[in-house]
Amino acid sequence: MRALSATCPHLGCAVDFDPQAGHFRCPCHTSAFGADGKRISGPAKRDMDPLDCSVEEGKVLVRFERFKQDVAEREKA
C-alpha cells in the first residue's frame, strides 16, 4: 500500500487525480504526476511526497508530514 501527499511539491496547491488522463494534476501551475506519484511535467522539481501508512484493525492509518516546497530534494518542513 502507498499513500501520497495531496500537496504539490512546487508551491503547495492541492493536487487532484484526473481519471480521464490517468494521472495527478496540480491546477495552479500545471505540474503533472503519474498514478505512482512520479513527476511527469511542470514546474515541480520532484515527485509527489510519499507518506507512511499502514492498516491496523481494518483501518488505513496515514502519518501526515509537511515537506519544504519548491526544492528538488525532499526535506521535512
PDB file of N, CA and C in Angstrom:
ATOM      1  N   MET A   1       0.845  -1.169   0.000  1.00  0.00           N
ATOM      2  CA  MET A   1       0.000   0.000   0.000  1.00  0.00           C
ATOM      3  C   MET A   1       0.892   1.234   0.000  1.00  0.00           C
ATOM      4  N   ARG A   2       0.387   2.297  -0.643  1.00  0.00           N
ATOM      5  CA  ARG A   2       1.163   3.523  -0.739  1.00  0.00           C
ATOM      6  C   ARG A   2       0.233   4.720  -0.587  1.00  0.00           C
ATOM      7  N   ALA A   3       0.690   5.724   0.158  1.00  0.00           N
ATOM      8  CA  ALA A   3      -0.057   6.974   0.298  1.00  0.00           C
ATOM      9  C   ALA A   3       0.830   8.111  -0.181  1.00  0.00           C
ATOM     10  N   LEU A   4       0.206   9.087  -0.833  1.00  0.00           N
ATOM     11  CA  LEU A   4       0.919  10.254  -1.330  1.00  0.00           C
ATOM     12  C   LEU A   4       0.288  11.511  -0.760  1.00  0.00           C
ATOM     13  N   SER A   5       1.104  12.499  -0.461  1.00  0.00           N
ATOM     14  CA  SER A   5       0.584  13.788  -0.030  1.00  0.00           C
ATOM     15  C   SER A   5      -0.131  14.444  -1.208  1.00  0.00           C
ATOM     16  N   ALA A   6      -1.282  15.037  -0.947  1.00  0.00           N
ATOM     17  CA  ALA A   6      -2.032  15.737  -1.987  1.00  0.00           C
ATOM     18  C   ALA A   6      -1.575  17.183  -2.116  1.00  0.00           C
ATOM     19  N   THR A   7      -0.475  17.539  -1.447  1.00  0.00           N
ATOM     20  CA  THR A   7       0.105  18.866  -1.530  1.00  0.00           C
ATOM     21  C   THR A   7       1.170  18.870  -2.615  1.00  0.00           C
ATOM     22  N   CYS A   8       1.023  19.735  -3.604  1.00  0.00           N
ATOM     23  CA  CYS A   8       2.001  19.793  -4.692  1.00  0.00           C
ATOM     24  C   CYS A   8       3.358  20.222  -4.139  1.00  0.00           C
ATOM     25  N   PRO A   9       4.423  19.516  -4.512  1.00  0.00           N
ATOM     26  CA  PRO A   9       5.756  19.873  -4.022  1.00  0.00           C
ATOM     27  C   PRO A   9       6.303  21.158  -4.624  1.00  0.00           C
ATOM     28  N   HIS A  10       5.583  21.744  -5.572  1.00  0.00           N
ATOM     29  CA  HIS A  10       6.032  23.009  -6.171  1.00  0.00           C
ATOM     30  C   HIS A  10       5.758  24.161  -5.207  1.00  0.00           C
ATOM     31  N   LEU A  11       4.485  24.538  -5.056  1.00  0.00           N
ATOM     32  CA  LEU A  11       4.146  25.667  -4.185  1.00  0.00           C
ATOM     33  C   LEU A  11       2.996  25.372  -3.225  1.00  0.00           C
ATOM     34  N   GLY A  12       2.616  24.094  -3.103  1.00  0.00           N
ATOM     35  CA  GLY A  12       1.664  23.704  -2.073  1.00  0.00           C
ATOM     36  C   GLY A  12       0.197  23.689  -2.434  1.00  0.00           C
ATOM     37  N   CYS A  13      -0.147  23.802  -3.689  1.00  0.00           N
ATOM     38  CA  CYS A  13      -1.557  23.706  -4.081  1.00  0.00           C
ATOM     39  C   CYS A  13      -2.044  22.265  -3.916  1.00  0.00           C
ATOM     40  N   ALA A  14      -3.342  22.080  -3.860  1.00  0.00           N
ATOM     41  CA  ALA A  14      -3.923  20.743  -3.723  1.00  0.00           C
ATOM     42  C   ALA A  14      -3.922  20.031  -5.067  1.00  0.00           C
ATOM     43  N   VAL A  15      -3.361  18.840  -5.110  1.00  0.00           N
ATOM     44  CA  VAL A  15      -3.268  18.022  -6.315  1.00  0.00           C
ATOM     45  C   VAL A  15      -4.470  17.074  -6.354  1.00  0.00           C
ATOM     46  N   ASP A  16      -5.081  16.941  -7.515  1.00  0.00           N
ATOM     47  CA  ASP A  16      -6.214  16.028  -7.698  1.00  0.00           C
ATOM     48  C   ASP A  16      -5.870  14.975  -8.739  1.00  0.00           C
ATOM     49  N   PHE A  17      -6.516  13.817  -8.625  1.00  0.00           N
ATOM     50  CA  PHE A  17      -6.343  12.771  -9.634  1.00  0.00           C
ATOM     51  C   PHE A  17      -7.328  13.017 -10.758  1.00  0.00           C
ATOM     52  N   ASP A  18      -6.847  12.997 -11.983  1.00  0.00           N
ATOM     53  CA  ASP A  18      -7.680  13.160 -13.179  1.00  0.00           C
ATOM     54  C   ASP A  18      -7.899  11.775 -13.780  1.00  0.00           C
ATOM     55  N   PRO A  19      -9.060  11.157 -13.547  1.00  0.00           N
ATOM     56  CA  PRO A  19      -9.269   9.791 -14.027  1.00  0.00           C
ATOM     57  C   PRO A  19      -9.231   9.668 -15.549  1.00  0.00           C
ATOM     58  N   GLN A  20      -9.645  10.707 -16.266  1.00  0.00           N
ATOM     59  CA  GLN A  20      -9.609  10.641 -17.734  1.00  0.00           C
ATOM     60  C   GLN A  20      -8.173  10.618 -18.246  1.00  0.00           C
ATOM     61  N   ALA A  21      -7.296  11.397 -17.612  1.00  0.00           N
ATOM     62  CA  ALA A  21      -5.889  11.439 -18.020  1.00  0.00           C
ATOM     63  C   ALA A  21      -5.096  10.293 -17.387  1.00  0.00           C
ATOM     64  N   GLY A  22      -5.593   9.761 -16.265  1.00  0.00           N
ATOM     65  CA  GLY A  22      -4.903   8.670 -15.580  1.00  0.00           C
ATOM     66  C   GLY A  22      -3.708   9.129 -14.756  1.00  0.00           C
ATOM     67  N   HIS A  23      -3.700  10.420 -14.387  1.00  0.00           N
ATOM     68  CA  HIS A  23      -2.607  10.904 -13.539  1.00  0.00           C
ATOM     69  C   HIS A  23      -3.069  12.082 -12.668  1.00  0.00           C
ATOM     70  N   PHE A  24      -2.197  12.474 -11.742  1.00  0.00           N
ATOM     71  CA  PHE A  24      -2.477  13.600 -10.862  1.00  0.00           C
ATOM     72  C   PHE A  24      -2.125  14.902 -11.564  1.00  0.00           C
ATOM     73  N   ARG A  25      -2.908  15.953 -11.263  1.00  0.00           N
ATOM     74  CA  ARG A  25      -2.646  17.279 -11.833  1.00  0.00           C
ATOM     75  C   ARG A  25      -2.728  18.332 -10.731  1.00  0.00           C
ATOM     76  N   CYS A  26      -1.854  19.314 -10.828  1.00  0.00           N
ATOM     77  CA  CYS A  26      -1.927  20.481  -9.968  1.00  0.00           C
ATOM     78  C   CYS A  26      -2.598  21.592 -10.770  1.00  0.00           C
ATOM     79  N   PRO A  27      -3.700  22.142 -10.279  1.00  0.00           N
ATOM     80  CA  PRO A  27      -4.418  23.160 -11.044  1.00  0.00           C
ATOM     81  C   PRO A  27      -3.738  24.535 -11.041  1.00  0.00           C
ATOM     82  N   CYS A  28      -2.768  24.741 -10.169  1.00  0.00           N
ATOM     83  CA  CYS A  28      -2.165  26.074 -10.032  1.00  0.00           C
ATOM     84  C   CYS A  28      -1.091  26.374 -11.075  1.00  0.00           C
ATOM     85  N   HIS A  29      -0.184  25.429 -11.303  1.00  0.00           N
ATOM     86  CA  HIS A  29       0.955  25.718 -12.183  1.00  0.00           C
ATOM     87  C   HIS A  29       1.253  24.582 -13.154  1.00  0.00           C
ATOM     88  N   THR A  30       0.284  23.746 -13.440  1.00  0.00           N
ATOM     89  CA  THR A  30       0.320  22.692 -14.455  1.00  0.00           C
ATOM     90  C   THR A  30       1.290  21.535 -14.216  1.00  0.00           C
ATOM     91  N   SER A  31       1.761  21.339 -12.987  1.00  0.00           N
ATOM     92  CA  SER A  31       2.564  20.135 -12.743  1.00  0.00           C
ATOM     93  C   SER A  31       1.667  18.918 -12.901  1.00  0.00           C
ATOM     94  N   ALA A  32       2.250  17.818 -13.384  1.00  0.00           N
ATOM     95  CA  ALA A  32       1.515  16.563 -13.542  1.00  0.00           C
ATOM     96  C   ALA A  32       2.373  15.435 -12.988  1.00  0.00           C
ATOM     97  N   PHE A  33       1.694  14.432 -12.410  1.00  0.00           N
ATOM     98  CA  PHE A  33       2.377  13.307 -11.768  1.00  0.00           C
ATOM     99  C   PHE A  33       1.660  12.022 -12.136  1.00  0.00           C
ATOM    100  N   GLY A  34       2.422  10.966 -12.368  1.00  0.00           N
ATOM    101  CA  GLY A  34       1.826   9.674 -12.687  1.00  0.00           C
ATOM    102  C   GLY A  34       1.028   9.137 -11.522  1.00  0.00           C
ATOM    103  N   ALA A  35       0.271   8.083 -11.764  1.00  0.00           N
ATOM    104  CA  ALA A  35      -0.522   7.447 -10.711  1.00  0.00           C
ATOM    105  C   ALA A  35       0.366   6.957  -9.571  1.00  0.00           C
ATOM    106  N   ASP A  36       1.654   6.738  -9.853  1.00  0.00           N
ATOM    107  CA  ASP A  36       2.611   6.315  -8.832  1.00  0.00           C
ATOM    108  C   ASP A  36       3.261   7.505  -8.118  1.00  0.00           C
ATOM    109  N   GLY A  37       2.884   8.746  -8.505  1.00  0.00           N
ATOM    110  CA  GLY A  37       3.417   9.946  -7.875  1.00  0.00           C
ATOM    111  C   GLY A  37       4.664  10.514  -8.533  1.00  0.00           C
ATOM    112  N   LYS A  38       5.171   9.843  -9.564  1.00  0.00           N
ATOM    113  CA  LYS A  38       6.381  10.322 -10.244  1.00  0.00           C
ATOM    114  C   LYS A  38       6.055  11.551 -11.106  1.00  0.00           C
ATOM    115  N   ARG A  39       6.957  12.521 -11.076  1.00  0.00           N
ATOM    116  CA  ARG A  39       6.784  13.760 -11.831  1.00  0.00           C
ATOM    117  C   ARG A  39       6.753  13.467 -13.329  1.00  0.00           C
ATOM    118  N   ILE A  40       5.738  14.005 -14.014  1.00  0.00           N
ATOM    119  CA  ILE A  40       5.626  13.889 -15.468  1.00  0.00           C
ATOM    120  C   ILE A  40       6.068  15.194 -16.119  1.00  0.00           C
ATOM    121  N   SER A  41       5.537  16.317 -15.600  1.00  0.00           N
ATOM    122  CA  SER A  41       5.842  17.614 -16.203  1.00  0.00           C
ATOM    123  C   SER A  41       5.513  18.742 -15.230  1.00  0.00           C
ATOM    124  N   GLY A  42       5.893  19.941 -15.647  1.00  0.00           N
ATOM    125  CA  GLY A  42       5.547  21.134 -14.891  1.00  0.00           C
ATOM    126  C   GLY A  42       6.704  21.680 -14.087  1.00  0.00           C
ATOM    127  N   PRO A  43       6.435  22.730 -13.344  1.00  0.00           N
ATOM    128  CA  PRO A  43       7.498  23.365 -12.575  1.00  0.00           C
ATOM    129  C   PRO A  43       7.902  22.616 -11.298  1.00  0.00           C
ATOM    130  N   ALA A  44       7.131  21.629 -10.856  1.00  0.00           N
ATOM    131  CA  ALA A  44       7.534  20.868  -9.664  1.00  0.00           C
ATOM    132  C   ALA A  44       8.905  20.246  -9.919  1.00  0.00           C
ATOM    133  N   LYS A  45       9.773  20.319  -8.928  1.00  0.00           N
ATOM    134  CA  LYS A  45      11.147  19.835  -9.080  1.00  0.00           C
ATOM    135  C   LYS A  45      11.341  18.399  -8.622  1.00  0.00           C
ATOM    136  N   ARG A  46      10.306  17.803  -8.040  1.00  0.00           N
ATOM    137  CA  ARG A  46      10.426  16.418  -7.567  1.00  0.00           C
ATOM    138  C   ARG A  46       9.079  15.710  -7.660  1.00  0.00           C
ATOM    139  N   ASP A  47       9.105  14.414  -7.394  1.00  0.00           N
ATOM    140  CA  ASP A  47       7.893  13.599  -7.369  1.00  0.00           C
ATOM    141  C   ASP A  47       6.994  14.034  -6.208  1.00  0.00           C
ATOM    142  N   MET A  48       5.760  13.535  -6.204  1.00  0.00           N
ATOM    143  CA  MET A  48       4.878  13.757  -5.060  1.00  0.00           C
ATOM    144  C   MET A  48       5.504  13.115  -3.832  1.00  0.00           C
ATOM    145  N   ASP A  49       5.196  13.654  -2.660  1.00  0.00           N
ATOM    146  CA  ASP A  49       5.802  13.160  -1.428  1.00  0.00           C
ATOM    147  C   ASP A  49       5.047  11.958  -0.879  1.00  0.00           C
ATOM    148  N   PRO A  50       5.763  10.840  -0.629  1.00  0.00           N
ATOM    149  CA  PRO A  50       5.122   9.664  -0.053  1.00  0.00           C
ATOM    150  C   PRO A  50       4.891   9.873   1.452  1.00  0.00           C
ATOM    151  N   LEU A  51       3.855   9.225   1.968  1.00  0.00           N
ATOM    152  CA  LEU A  51       3.546   9.278   3.389  1.00  0.00           C
ATOM    153  C   LEU A  51       3.527   7.859   3.946  1.00  0.00           C
ATOM    154  N   ASP A  52       4.011   7.699   5.169  1.00  0.00           N
ATOM    155  CA  ASP A  52       3.967   6.394   5.820  1.00  0.00           C
ATOM    156  C   ASP A  52       2.510   6.012   6.062  1.00  0.00           C
ATOM    157  N   CYS A  53       2.177   4.752   5.782  1.00  0.00           N
ATOM    158  CA  CYS A  53       0.813   4.293   6.015  1.00  0.00           C
ATOM    159  C   CYS A  53       0.817   2.825   6.420  1.00  0.00           C
ATOM    160  N   SER A  54      -0.269   2.416   7.056  1.00  0.00           N
ATOM    161  CA  SER A  54      -0.412   1.024   7.476  1.00  0.00           C
ATOM    162  C   SER A  54      -1.903   0.720   7.631  1.00  0.00           C
ATOM    163  N   VAL A  55      -2.210  -0.573   7.764  1.00  0.00           N
ATOM    164  CA  VAL A  55      -3.574  -0.995   8.049  1.00  0.00           C
ATOM    165  C   VAL A  55      -3.558  -1.667   9.409  1.00  0.00           C
ATOM    166  N   GLU A  56      -4.392  -1.152  10.306  1.00  0.00           N
ATOM    167  CA  GLU A  56      -4.499  -1.723  11.651  1.00  0.00           C
ATOM    168  C   GLU A  56      -5.963  -1.880  11.997  1.00  0.00           C
ATOM    169  N   GLU A  57      -6.344  -3.094  12.369  1.00  0.00           N
ATOM    170  CA  GLU A  57      -7.727  -3.405  12.736  1.00  0.00           C
ATOM    171  C   GLU A  57      -8.710  -2.946  11.660  1.00  0.00           C
ATOM    172  N   GLY A  58      -8.335  -3.146  10.397  1.00  0.00           N
ATOM    173  CA  GLY A  58      -9.202  -2.814   9.285  1.00  0.00           C
ATOM    174  C   GLY A  58      -9.256  -1.339   8.924  1.00  0.00           C
ATOM    175  N   LYS A  59      -8.418  -0.515   9.567  1.00  0.00           N
ATOM    176  CA  LYS A  59      -8.404   0.923   9.282  1.00  0.00           C
ATOM    177  C   LYS A  59      -7.085   1.299   8.630  1.00  0.00           C
ATOM    178  N   VAL A  60      -7.170   2.163   7.637  1.00  0.00           N
ATOM    179  CA  VAL A  60      -5.969   2.674   6.986  1.00  0.00           C
ATOM    180  C   VAL A  60      -5.493   3.887   7.784  1.00  0.00           C
ATOM    181  N   LEU A  61      -4.257   3.824   8.242  1.00  0.00           N
ATOM    182  CA  LEU A  61      -3.666   4.917   9.008  1.00  0.00           C
ATOM    183  C   LEU A  61      -2.571   5.565   8.167  1.00  0.00           C
ATOM    184  N   VAL A  62      -2.618   6.881   8.050  1.00  0.00           N
ATOM    185  CA  VAL A  62      -1.632   7.621   7.265  1.00  0.00           C
ATOM    186  C   VAL A  62      -0.998   8.667   8.179  1.00  0.00           C
ATOM    187  N   ARG A  63       0.324   8.667   8.215  1.00  0.00           N
ATOM    188  CA  ARG A  63       1.053   9.665   9.013  1.00  0.00           C
ATOM    189  C   ARG A  63       1.356  10.863   8.119  1.00  0.00           C
ATOM    190  N   PHE A  64       0.659  11.967   8.362  1.00  0.00           N
ATOM    191  CA  PHE A  64       0.839  13.159   7.535  1.00  0.00           C
ATOM    192  C   PHE A  64       2.105  13.895   7.954  1.00  0.00           C
ATOM    193  N   GLU A  65       2.853  14.364   6.967  1.00  0.00           N
ATOM    194  CA  GLU A  65       4.041  15.186   7.214  1.00  0.00           C
ATOM    195  C   GLU A  65       4.044  16.329   6.214  1.00  0.00           C
ATOM    196  N   ARG A  66       4.676  17.417   6.579  1.00  0.00           N
ATOM    197  CA  ARG A  66       4.862  18.551   5.672  1.00  0.00           C
ATOM    198  C   ARG A  66       6.300  18.542   5.183  1.00  0.00           C
ATOM    199  N   PHE A  67       6.459  18.914   3.911  1.00  0.00           N
ATOM    200  CA  PHE A  67       7.785  18.957   3.306  1.00  0.00           C
ATOM    201  C   PHE A  67       8.018  20.340   2.716  1.00  0.00           C
ATOM    202  N   LYS A  68       9.281  20.734   2.621  1.00  0.00           N
ATOM    203  CA  LYS A  68       9.616  22.028   2.022  1.00  0.00           C
ATOM    204  C   LYS A  68       9.171  22.030   0.572  1.00  0.00           C
ATOM    205  N   GLN A  69       8.710  23.188   0.144  1.00  0.00           N
ATOM    206  CA  GLN A  69       8.220  23.340  -1.225  1.00  0.00           C
ATOM    207  C   GLN A  69       9.286  23.922  -2.132  1.00  0.00           C
ATOM    208  N   ASP A  70       9.163  23.624  -3.397  1.00  0.00           N
ATOM    209  CA  ASP A  70       9.982  24.161  -4.467  1.00  0.00           C
ATOM    210  C   ASP A  70      11.472  23.869  -4.312  1.00  0.00           C
ATOM    211  N   VAL A  71      11.795  22.694  -3.779  1.00  0.00           N
ATOM    212  CA  VAL A  71      13.173  22.218  -3.706  1.00  0.00           C
ATOM    213  C   VAL A  71      13.241  20.837  -4.335  1.00  0.00           C
ATOM    214  N   ALA A  72      14.366  20.495  -4.927  1.00  0.00           N
ATOM    215  CA  ALA A  72      14.493  19.223  -5.644  1.00  0.00           C
ATOM    216  C   ALA A  72      14.575  18.026  -4.703  1.00  0.00           C
ATOM    217  N   GLU A  73      15.225  18.178  -3.573  1.00  0.00           N
ATOM    218  CA  GLU A  73      15.371  17.079  -2.624  1.00  0.00           C
ATOM    219  C   GLU A  73      14.288  17.194  -1.540  1.00  0.00           C
ATOM    220  N   ARG A  74      13.681  16.083  -1.192  1.00  0.00           N
ATOM    221  CA  ARG A  74      12.626  16.070  -0.172  1.00  0.00           C
ATOM    222  C   ARG A  74      13.237  16.385   1.196  1.00  0.00           C
ATOM    223  N   GLU A  75      12.706  17.401   1.840  1.00  0.00           N
ATOM    224  CA  GLU A  75      13.135  17.796   3.189  1.00  0.00           C
ATOM    225  C   GLU A  75      11.904  18.053   4.022  1.00  0.00           C
ATOM    226  N   LYS A  76      11.901  17.561   5.262  1.00  0.00           N
ATOM    227  CA  LYS A  76      10.784  17.862   6.146  1.00  0.00           C
ATOM    228  C   LYS A  76      10.786  19.353   6.465  1.00  0.00           C
ATOM    229  N   ALA A  77       9.582  19.911   6.531  1.00  0.00           N
ATOM    230  CA  ALA A  77       9.441  21.355   6.814  1.00  0.00           C
ATOM    231  C   ALA A  77       9.547  21.618   8.302  1.00  0.00           C
TER     232      ALA A  77
END
